[in-house]
Structures are given as structure tokens and as C-alpha cells.
C-alpha atoms as a PDB file:
ATOM      1  CA  MET A   1     131.681 196.118 213.338  1.00  0.00           C
ATOM      2  CA  SER A   2     129.080 198.568 214.650  1.00  0.00           C
ATOM      3  CA  ARG A   3     127.963 201.130 212.058  1.00  0.00           C
ATOM      4  CA  SER A   4     125.810 204.188 212.562  1.00  0.00           C
ATOM      5  CA  GLU A   5     124.325 206.589 210.016  1.00  0.00           C
ATOM      6  CA  LYS A   6     125.026 210.271 210.697  1.00  0.00           C
ATOM      7  CA  PHE A   7     123.517 213.313 208.976  1.00  0.00           C
ATOM      8  CA  ILE A   8     125.422 216.548 208.401  1.00  0.00           C
ATOM      9  CA  VAL A   9     124.818 219.844 206.640  1.00  0.00           C
ATOM     10  CA  LEU A  10     127.658 221.854 205.132  1.00  0.00           C
ATOM     11  CA  PRO A  11     127.357 225.403 203.863  1.00  0.00           C
ATOM     12  CA  PHE A  12     129.898 226.505 201.249  1.00  0.00           C
ATOM     13  CA  LYS A  13     131.413 229.924 200.699  1.00  0.00           C
ATOM     14  CA  LYS A  14     133.841 231.493 198.234  1.00  0.00           C
ATOM     15  CA  VAL A  15     137.328 232.132 199.562  1.00  0.00           C
ATOM     16  CA  ARG A  16     139.785 233.678 197.087  1.00  0.00           C
ATOM     17  CA  GLY A  17     137.680 232.385 194.215  1.00  0.00           C
ATOM     18  CA  ASN A  18     137.464 228.813 195.520  1.00  0.00           C
ATOM     19  CA  VAL A  19     134.400 227.112 196.987  1.00  0.00           C
ATOM     20  CA  THR A  20     135.222 225.945 200.517  1.00  0.00           C
ATOM     21  CA  PRO A  21     133.121 224.316 203.253  1.00  0.00           C
ATOM     22  CA  GLY A  22     131.958 226.356 206.216  1.00  0.00           C
ATOM     23  CA  GLU A  23     130.941 225.199 209.677  1.00  0.00           C
ATOM     24  CA  MET A  24     129.321 221.753 209.729  1.00  0.00           C
ATOM     25  CA  ARG A  25     125.922 221.297 211.371  1.00  0.00           C
ATOM     26  CA  VAL A  26     124.694 217.937 212.660  1.00  0.00           C
ATOM     27  CA  ALA A  27     121.111 216.804 212.071  1.00  0.00           C
ATOM     28  CA  SER A  28     119.157 214.047 213.786  1.00  0.00           C
ATOM     29  CA  ASN A  29     117.748 212.482 210.605  1.00  0.00           C
ATOM     30  CA  ALA A  30     117.609 212.891 206.806  1.00  0.00           C
ATOM     31  CA  ALA A  31     114.476 215.063 206.828  1.00  0.00           C
ATOM     32  CA  SER A  32     115.979 217.393 209.424  1.00  0.00           C
ATOM     33  CA  ALA A  33     119.226 217.656 207.433  1.00  0.00           C
ATOM     34  CA  GLU A  34     117.312 218.645 204.303  1.00  0.00           C
ATOM     35  CA  LYS A  35     115.209 221.175 206.235  1.00  0.00           C
ATOM     36  CA  ILE A  36     118.316 222.808 207.732  1.00  0.00           C
ATOM     37  CA  ALA A  37     120.046 222.879 204.333  1.00  0.00           C
ATOM     38  CA  ARG A  38     117.032 224.473 202.624  1.00  0.00           C
ATOM     39  CA  ALA A  39     116.845 227.129 205.355  1.00  0.00           C
ATOM     40  CA  MET A  40     120.540 227.985 204.850  1.00  0.00           C
ATOM     41  CA  ALA A  41     120.476 227.992 201.028  1.00  0.00           C
ATOM     42  CA  ASP A  42     119.834 231.730 200.581  1.00  0.00           C
ATOM     43  CA  ARG A  43     122.807 232.734 202.757  1.00  0.00           C
ATOM     44  CA  PHE A  44     125.611 230.756 201.058  1.00  0.00           C
ATOM     45  CA  VAL A  45     126.964 230.118 197.543  1.00  0.00           C
ATOM     46  CA  GLY A  46     126.051 226.482 198.139  1.00  0.00           C
ATOM     47  CA  VAL A  47     124.786 224.109 200.798  1.00  0.00           C
ATOM     48  CA  ALA A  48     124.424 220.343 200.968  1.00  0.00           C
ATOM     49  CA  ALA A  49     122.941 217.754 203.316  1.00  0.00           C
ATOM     50  CA  TYR A  50     124.894 214.512 203.573  1.00  0.00           C
ATOM     51  CA  SER A  51     124.542 211.057 205.041  1.00  0.00           C
ATOM     52  CA  VAL A  52     127.640 209.142 206.171  1.00  0.00           C
ATOM     53  CA  GLN A  53     128.097 205.702 207.683  1.00  0.00           C
ATOM     54  CA  VAL A  54     130.416 205.765 210.706  1.00  0.00           C
ATOM     55  CA  ASP A  55     132.149 202.711 212.173  1.00  0.00           C
ATOM     56  CA  MET A  56     131.625 203.331 215.890  1.00  0.00           C
ATOM     57  CA  GLU A  57     134.673 201.259 216.887  1.00  0.00           C
ATOM     58  CA  SER A  58     137.312 202.701 214.540  1.00  0.00           C
ATOM     59  CA  GLY A  59     135.746 206.075 213.721  1.00  0.00           C
ATOM     60  CA  ASP A  60     136.116 205.390 209.978  1.00  0.00           C
ATOM     61  CA  MET A  61     133.522 207.046 207.740  1.00  0.00           C
ATOM     62  CA  SER A  62     132.105 206.012 204.393  1.00  0.00           C
ATOM     63  CA  GLU A  63     132.119 208.392 201.457  1.00  0.00           C
ATOM     64  CA  PRO A  64     129.408 211.012 202.048  1.00  0.00           C
ATOM     65  CA  ARG A  65     126.143 210.553 200.148  1.00  0.00           C
ATOM     66  CA  ILE A  66     124.402 213.773 199.111  1.00  0.00           C
ATOM     67  CA  LEU A  67     120.781 213.902 200.268  1.00  0.00           C
ATOM     68  CA  TRP A  68     120.050 217.433 198.990  1.00  0.00           C
ATOM     69  CA  GLN A  69     122.102 220.259 197.522  1.00  0.00           C
ATOM     70  CA  SER A  70     121.752 223.814 196.252  1.00  0.00           C
ATOM     71  CA  GLY A  71     124.234 226.095 194.491  1.00  0.00           C
ATOM     72  CA  GLU A  72     127.968 225.488 194.258  1.00  0.00           C
ATOM     73  CA  ILE A  73     129.463 222.822 196.480  1.00  0.00           C
ATOM     74  CA  ALA A  74     132.936 221.311 196.729  1.00  0.00           C
ATOM     75  CA  ASP A  75     133.850 217.624 196.732  1.00  0.00           C
ATOM     76  CA  ILE A  76     134.336 216.874 200.429  1.00  0.00           C
ATOM     77  CA  ALA A  77     135.351 213.249 199.813  1.00  0.00           C
ATOM     78  CA  ALA A  78     138.610 214.309 198.140  1.00  0.00           C
END
């Protein structure tokens, strides 16, 4: 099984009173993900940088691990 660590940043917005994820951004490493998330923090109700392990053969992903967060975020693993 070939696994690869991926880094993503998700902004969150309020839609009809609920916190929902916006457009995902991909980062090249953990430091870059945190930098992108910090830069976006003032424009959204919440933002988080995540790390996920991806099985390159099946496409299965592990539960996301939060690297950095600000504001209100939703549980994306649910």
C-alpha cells in the first residue's frame, strides 16, 4: 500500500446559519498550508489547514488532522 501525505486548506462560510466549507486549496507542505490559512483568516468565519494520508492505489483518505485553525469550522470528517 503506497501512502502519501497531502495538505489542504478549507475556508468556511455561513450559509443559512450553518458553517459550511468553501473552495479547497491544496498546499505543498504543512508550513505552506498554515501560511495560506493564516492569510485567508480575515476573510472567512473560519479557516483550517489539514493533513490527510491518501492511499495512492485505492484513493482512500485517512481522517483529516488539523494543523492550524481560526474561527468557526465544521467537522469535515462526518
